[in-house]
Amino acid sequence: MDGAPKVTDSMVKSDLHPPHSGPGSDPVLYGVAAGLAELFPPVTGHTRAVHDRDPVETDEPERD
């Protein structure tokens, strides 16, 4: 071992190297977007529709 770090594909395709063209080409915005994506991952919600909810789960008061 010569002590030099090995370059892997993940290092080459990291967030430090934005694409050269397209919507992600601005390095500042690319870095901000990558940071926000790491801090706030996508949220997957319930798949049940609103009309399928039980009356107990709604925020509306019960009507008599």
PDB file of N, CA and C in Angstrom:
ATOM      1  N   MET A   1       0.845  -1.185   0.000  1.00  0.00           N
ATOM      2  CA  MET A   1       0.000   0.000   0.000  1.00  0.00           C
ATOM      3  C   MET A   1       0.884   1.240   0.000  1.00  0.00           C
ATOM      4  N   ASP A   2       0.540   2.163  -0.872  1.00  0.00           N
ATOM      5  CA  ASP A   2       1.347   3.368  -0.975  1.00  0.00           C
ATOM      6  C   ASP A   2       0.776   4.528  -0.159  1.00  0.00           C
ATOM      7  N   GLY A   3      -0.361   4.342   0.483  1.00  0.00           N
ATOM      8  CA  GLY A   3      -0.946   5.379   1.327  1.00  0.00           C
ATOM      9  C   GLY A   3      -1.810   6.376   0.574  1.00  0.00           C
ATOM     10  N   ALA A   4      -1.837   6.332  -0.739  1.00  0.00           N
ATOM     11  CA  ALA A   4      -2.662   7.252  -1.526  1.00  0.00           C
ATOM     12  C   ALA A   4      -4.107   6.769  -1.514  1.00  0.00           C
ATOM     13  N   PRO A   5      -5.062   7.698  -1.373  1.00  0.00           N
ATOM     14  CA  PRO A   5      -6.470   7.285  -1.375  1.00  0.00           C
ATOM     15  C   PRO A   5      -6.879   6.790  -2.760  1.00  0.00           C
ATOM     16  N   LYS A   6      -7.722   5.786  -2.783  1.00  0.00           N
ATOM     17  CA  LYS A   6      -8.208   5.255  -4.052  1.00  0.00           C
ATOM     18  C   LYS A   6      -9.465   6.019  -4.453  1.00  0.00           C
ATOM     19  N   VAL A   7      -9.540   6.392  -5.705  1.00  0.00           N
ATOM     20  CA  VAL A   7     -10.698   7.115  -6.225  1.00  0.00           C
ATOM     21  C   VAL A   7     -11.726   6.095  -6.688  1.00  0.00           C
ATOM     22  N   THR A   8     -12.930   6.202  -6.138  1.00  0.00           N
ATOM     23  CA  THR A   8     -14.010   5.297  -6.522  1.00  0.00           C
ATOM     24  C   THR A   8     -15.037   6.059  -7.342  1.00  0.00           C
ATOM     25  N   ASP A   9     -15.965   5.321  -7.952  1.00  0.00           N
ATOM     26  CA  ASP A   9     -17.022   5.953  -8.744  1.00  0.00           C
ATOM     27  C   ASP A   9     -17.881   6.873  -7.893  1.00  0.00           C
ATOM     28  N   SER A  10     -18.120   6.491  -6.641  1.00  0.00           N
ATOM     29  CA  SER A  10     -18.948   7.332  -5.784  1.00  0.00           C
ATOM     30  C   SER A  10     -18.255   8.653  -5.465  1.00  0.00           C
ATOM     31  N   MET A  11     -16.939   8.656  -5.423  1.00  0.00           N
ATOM     32  CA  MET A  11     -16.219   9.906  -5.177  1.00  0.00           C
ATOM     33  C   MET A  11     -16.307  10.821  -6.396  1.00  0.00           C
ATOM     34  N   VAL A  12     -16.256  10.239  -7.578  1.00  0.00           N
ATOM     35  CA  VAL A  12     -16.310  11.041  -8.797  1.00  0.00           C
ATOM     36  C   VAL A  12     -17.705  11.612  -8.998  1.00  0.00           C
ATOM     37  N   LYS A  13     -18.725  10.856  -8.623  1.00  0.00           N
ATOM     38  CA  LYS A  13     -20.105  11.287  -8.815  1.00  0.00           C
ATOM     39  C   LYS A  13     -20.687  11.848  -7.519  1.00  0.00           C
ATOM     40  N   SER A  14     -19.907  12.532  -6.738  1.00  0.00           N
ATOM     41  CA  SER A  14     -20.386  13.053  -5.464  1.00  0.00           C
ATOM     42  C   SER A  14     -21.061  14.401  -5.649  1.00  0.00           C
ATOM     43  N   ASP A  15     -21.607  14.932  -4.570  1.00  0.00           N
ATOM     44  CA  ASP A  15     -22.273  16.229  -4.602  1.00  0.00           C
ATOM     45  C   ASP A  15     -21.296  17.372  -4.833  1.00  0.00           C
ATOM     46  N   LEU A  16     -20.007  17.113  -4.747  1.00  0.00           N
ATOM     47  CA  LEU A  16     -19.019  18.163  -4.976  1.00  0.00           C
ATOM     48  C   LEU A  16     -18.781  18.403  -6.459  1.00  0.00           C
ATOM     49  N   HIS A  17     -19.309  17.547  -7.314  1.00  0.00           N
ATOM     50  CA  HIS A  17     -19.112  17.667  -8.757  1.00  0.00           C
ATOM     51  C   HIS A  17     -20.462  17.763  -9.460  1.00  0.00           C
ATOM     52  N   PRO A  18     -21.047  18.958  -9.554  1.00  0.00           N
ATOM     53  CA  PRO A  18     -22.348  19.095 -10.216  1.00  0.00           C
ATOM     54  C   PRO A  18     -22.223  18.880 -11.722  1.00  0.00           C
ATOM     55  N   PRO A  19     -23.336  18.607 -12.398  1.00  0.00           N
ATOM     56  CA  PRO A  19     -23.293  18.453 -13.851  1.00  0.00           C
ATOM     57  C   PRO A  19     -22.868  19.756 -14.527  1.00  0.00           C
ATOM     58  N   HIS A  20     -22.301  19.659 -15.734  1.00  0.00           N
ATOM     59  CA  HIS A  20     -21.815  20.842 -16.438  1.00  0.00           C
ATOM     60  C   HIS A  20     -22.916  21.574 -17.190  1.00  0.00           C
ATOM     61  N   SER A  21     -24.061  20.944 -17.425  1.00  0.00           N
ATOM     62  CA  SER A  21     -25.164  21.605 -18.111  1.00  0.00           C
ATOM     63  C   SER A  21     -26.477  21.106 -17.540  1.00  0.00           C
ATOM     64  N   GLY A  22     -27.530  21.855 -17.779  1.00  0.00           N
ATOM     65  CA  GLY A  22     -28.848  21.467 -17.305  1.00  0.00           C
ATOM     66  C   GLY A  22     -29.230  22.199 -16.041  1.00  0.00           C
ATOM     67  N   PRO A  23     -30.366  21.816 -15.447  1.00  0.00           N
ATOM     68  CA  PRO A  23     -30.874  22.543 -14.277  1.00  0.00           C
ATOM     69  C   PRO A  23     -29.985  22.441 -13.046  1.00  0.00           C
ATOM     70  N   GLY A  24     -29.148  21.419 -12.947  1.00  0.00           N
ATOM     71  CA  GLY A  24     -28.278  21.262 -11.783  1.00  0.00           C
ATOM     72  C   GLY A  24     -26.883  21.789 -12.006  1.00  0.00           C
ATOM     73  N   SER A  25     -26.695  22.637 -13.021  1.00  0.00           N
ATOM     74  CA  SER A  25     -25.337  23.057 -13.373  1.00  0.00           C
ATOM     75  C   SER A  25     -24.787  24.174 -12.487  1.00  0.00           C
ATOM     76  N   ASP A  26     -25.629  24.895 -11.766  1.00  0.00           N
ATOM     77  CA  ASP A  26     -25.152  25.947 -10.862  1.00  0.00           C
ATOM     78  C   ASP A  26     -24.602  25.275  -9.607  1.00  0.00           C
ATOM     79  N   PRO A  27     -23.296  25.385  -9.336  1.00  0.00           N
ATOM     80  CA  PRO A  27     -22.717  24.656  -8.199  1.00  0.00           C
ATOM     81  C   PRO A  27     -23.281  25.075  -6.850  1.00  0.00           C
ATOM     82  N   VAL A  28     -23.650  26.344  -6.695  1.00  0.00           N
ATOM     83  CA  VAL A  28     -24.197  26.793  -5.411  1.00  0.00           C
ATOM     84  C   VAL A  28     -25.579  26.192  -5.198  1.00  0.00           C
ATOM     85  N   LEU A  29     -26.444  26.326  -6.195  1.00  0.00           N
ATOM     86  CA  LEU A  29     -27.791  25.770  -6.061  1.00  0.00           C
ATOM     87  C   LEU A  29     -27.753  24.248  -5.963  1.00  0.00           C
ATOM     88  N   TYR A  30     -26.829  23.622  -6.673  1.00  0.00           N
ATOM     89  CA  TYR A  30     -26.685  22.171  -6.613  1.00  0.00           C
ATOM     90  C   TYR A  30     -26.312  21.740  -5.196  1.00  0.00           C
ATOM     91  N   GLY A  31     -25.383  22.452  -4.580  1.00  0.00           N
ATOM     92  CA  GLY A  31     -24.975  22.128  -3.214  1.00  0.00           C
ATOM     93  C   GLY A  31     -26.077  22.360  -2.206  1.00  0.00           C
ATOM     94  N   VAL A  32     -26.818  23.467  -2.384  1.00  0.00           N
ATOM     95  CA  VAL A  32     -27.937  23.761  -1.482  1.00  0.00           C
ATOM     96  C   VAL A  32     -29.009  22.684  -1.617  1.00  0.00           C
ATOM     97  N   ALA A  33     -29.339  22.324  -2.852  1.00  0.00           N
ATOM     98  CA  ALA A  33     -30.361  21.299  -3.076  1.00  0.00           C
ATOM     99  C   ALA A  33     -29.929  19.951  -2.506  1.00  0.00           C
ATOM    100  N   ALA A  34     -28.672  19.601  -2.666  1.00  0.00           N
ATOM    101  CA  ALA A  34     -28.172  18.332  -2.128  1.00  0.00           C
ATOM    102  C   ALA A  34     -28.223  18.340  -0.602  1.00  0.00           C
ATOM    103  N   GLY A  35     -27.880  19.470   0.009  1.00  0.00           N
ATOM    104  CA  GLY A  35     -27.931  19.574   1.466  1.00  0.00           C
ATOM    105  C   GLY A  35     -29.346  19.494   1.997  1.00  0.00           C
ATOM    106  N   LEU A  36     -30.272  20.183   1.316  1.00  0.00           N
ATOM    107  CA  LEU A  36     -31.670  20.141   1.737  1.00  0.00           C
ATOM    108  C   LEU A  36     -32.260  18.743   1.561  1.00  0.00           C
ATOM    109  N   ALA A  37     -31.890  18.070   0.492  1.00  0.00           N
ATOM    110  CA  ALA A  37     -32.387  16.711   0.263  1.00  0.00           C
ATOM    111  C   ALA A  37     -31.896  15.761   1.349  1.00  0.00           C
ATOM    112  N   GLU A  38     -30.703  15.997   1.858  1.00  0.00           N
ATOM    113  CA  GLU A  38     -30.176  15.147   2.927  1.00  0.00           C
ATOM    114  C   GLU A  38     -30.856  15.466   4.257  1.00  0.00           C
ATOM    115  N   LEU A  39     -31.107  16.754   4.516  1.00  0.00           N
ATOM    116  CA  LEU A  39     -31.746  17.144   5.774  1.00  0.00           C
ATOM    117  C   LEU A  39     -33.226  16.792   5.809  1.00  0.00           C
ATOM    118  N   PHE A  40     -33.892  16.957   4.674  1.00  0.00           N
ATOM    119  CA  PHE A  40     -35.334  16.745   4.598  1.00  0.00           C
ATOM    120  C   PHE A  40     -35.642  15.727   3.507  1.00  0.00           C
ATOM    121  N   PRO A  41     -35.547  14.438   3.825  1.00  0.00           N
ATOM    122  CA  PRO A  41     -35.833  13.421   2.811  1.00  0.00           C
ATOM    123  C   PRO A  41     -37.311  13.458   2.420  1.00  0.00           C
ATOM    124  N   PRO A  42     -37.657  12.932   1.255  1.00  0.00           N
ATOM    125  CA  PRO A  42     -39.058  12.927   0.819  1.00  0.00           C
ATOM    126  C   PRO A  42     -39.948  12.203   1.817  1.00  0.00           C
ATOM    127  N   VAL A  43     -41.154  12.708   1.980  1.00  0.00           N
ATOM    128  CA  VAL A  43     -42.116  12.129   2.910  1.00  0.00           C
ATOM    129  C   VAL A  43     -43.131  11.321   2.114  1.00  0.00           C
ATOM    130  N   THR A  44     -43.356  10.098   2.532  1.00  0.00           N
ATOM    131  CA  THR A  44     -44.398   9.293   1.907  1.00  0.00           C
ATOM    132  C   THR A  44     -45.596   9.302   2.834  1.00  0.00           C
ATOM    133  N   GLY A  45     -46.710   9.764   2.321  1.00  0.00           N
ATOM    134  CA  GLY A  45     -47.907   9.899   3.143  1.00  0.00           C
ATOM    135  C   GLY A  45     -48.797   8.679   3.050  1.00  0.00           C
ATOM    136  N   HIS A  46     -49.943   8.811   3.693  1.00  0.00           N
ATOM    137  CA  HIS A  46     -50.941   7.746   3.635  1.00  0.00           C
ATOM    138  C   HIS A  46     -51.500   7.661   2.226  1.00  0.00           C
ATOM    139  N   THR A  47     -51.850   6.468   1.816  1.00  0.00           N
ATOM    140  CA  THR A  47     -52.410   6.290   0.486  1.00  0.00           C
ATOM    141  C   THR A  47     -53.925   6.297   0.508  1.00  0.00           C
ATOM    142  N   ARG A  48     -54.533   6.330   1.689  1.00  0.00           N
ATOM    143  CA  ARG A  48     -55.989   6.352   1.791  1.00  0.00           C
ATOM    144  C   ARG A  48     -56.513   7.722   1.416  1.00  0.00           C
ATOM    145  N   ALA A  49     -57.562   7.755   0.639  1.00  0.00           N
ATOM    146  CA  ALA A  49     -58.177   9.021   0.247  1.00  0.00           C
ATOM    147  C   ALA A  49     -58.912   9.624   1.433  1.00  0.00           C
ATOM    148  N   VAL A  50     -59.205  10.911   1.355  1.00  0.00           N
ATOM    149  CA  VAL A  50     -59.874  11.611   2.453  1.00  0.00           C
ATOM    150  C   VAL A  50     -61.255  11.022   2.697  1.00  0.00           C
ATOM    151  N   HIS A  51     -61.981  10.673   1.651  1.00  0.00           N
ATOM    152  CA  HIS A  51     -63.333  10.145   1.840  1.00  0.00           C
ATOM    153  C   HIS A  51     -63.328   8.729   2.398  1.00  0.00           C
ATOM    154  N   ASP A  52     -62.195   8.055   2.416  1.00  0.00           N
ATOM    155  CA  ASP A  52     -62.095   6.708   2.976  1.00  0.00           C
ATOM    156  C   ASP A  52     -61.761   6.703   4.465  1.00  0.00           C
ATOM    157  N   ARG A  53     -61.506   7.868   5.036  1.00  0.00           N
ATOM    158  CA  ARG A  53     -61.123   7.925   6.452  1.00  0.00           C
ATOM    159  C   ARG A  53     -62.311   7.635   7.360  1.00  0.00           C
ATOM    160  N   ASP A  54     -62.005   7.157   8.538  1.00  0.00           N
ATOM    161  CA  ASP A  54     -63.030   6.952   9.550  1.00  0.00           C
ATOM    162  C   ASP A  54     -63.462   8.306  10.093  1.00  0.00           C
ATOM    163  N   PRO A  55     -64.705   8.436  10.563  1.00  0.00           N
ATOM    164  CA  PRO A  55     -65.153   9.725  11.120  1.00  0.00           C
ATOM    165  C   PRO A  55     -64.296  10.196  12.291  1.00  0.00           C
ATOM    166  N   VAL A  56     -63.710   9.278  13.042  1.00  0.00           N
ATOM    167  CA  VAL A  56     -62.875   9.640  14.187  1.00  0.00           C
ATOM    168  C   VAL A  56     -61.606  10.348  13.717  1.00  0.00           C
ATOM    169  N   GLU A  57     -61.138  10.036  12.526  1.00  0.00           N
ATOM    170  CA  GLU A  57     -59.891  10.591  12.023  1.00  0.00           C
ATOM    171  C   GLU A  57     -60.040  11.980  11.414  1.00  0.00           C
ATOM    172  N   THR A  58     -61.249  12.466  11.224  1.00  0.00           N
ATOM    173  CA  THR A  58     -61.435  13.779  10.607  1.00  0.00           C
ATOM    174  C   THR A  58     -61.324  14.872  11.650  1.00  0.00           C
ATOM    175  N   ASP A  59     -61.043  16.068  11.185  1.00  0.00           N
ATOM    176  CA  ASP A  59     -60.931  17.217  12.079  1.00  0.00           C
ATOM    177  C   ASP A  59     -62.268  17.915  12.286  1.00  0.00           C
ATOM    178  N   GLU A  60     -63.293  17.510  11.551  1.00  0.00           N
ATOM    179  CA  GLU A  60     -64.593  18.163  11.650  1.00  0.00           C
ATOM    180  C   GLU A  60     -65.365  17.617  12.848  1.00  0.00           C
ATOM    181  N   PRO A  61     -66.156  18.480  13.500  1.00  0.00           N
ATOM    182  CA  PRO A  61     -66.984  17.991  14.614  1.00  0.00           C
ATOM    183  C   PRO A  61     -68.109  17.100  14.079  1.00  0.00           C
ATOM    184  N   GLU A  62     -68.575  16.184  14.941  1.00  0.00           N
ATOM    185  CA  GLU A  62     -69.666  15.298  14.535  1.00  0.00           C
ATOM    186  C   GLU A  62     -70.948  16.082  14.401  1.00  0.00           C
ATOM    187  N   ARG A  63     -71.735  15.713  13.400  1.00  0.00           N
ATOM    188  CA  ARG A  63     -73.028  16.378  13.189  1.00  0.00           C
ATOM    189  C   ARG A  63     -74.136  15.417  13.586  1.00  0.00           C
ATOM    190  N   ASP A  64     -75.118  15.925  14.298  1.00  0.00           N
ATOM    191  CA  ASP A  64     -76.248  15.084  14.724  1.00  0.00           C
ATOM    192  C   ASP A  64     -77.413  15.230  13.799  1.00  0.00           C
TER     193      ASP A  64
END
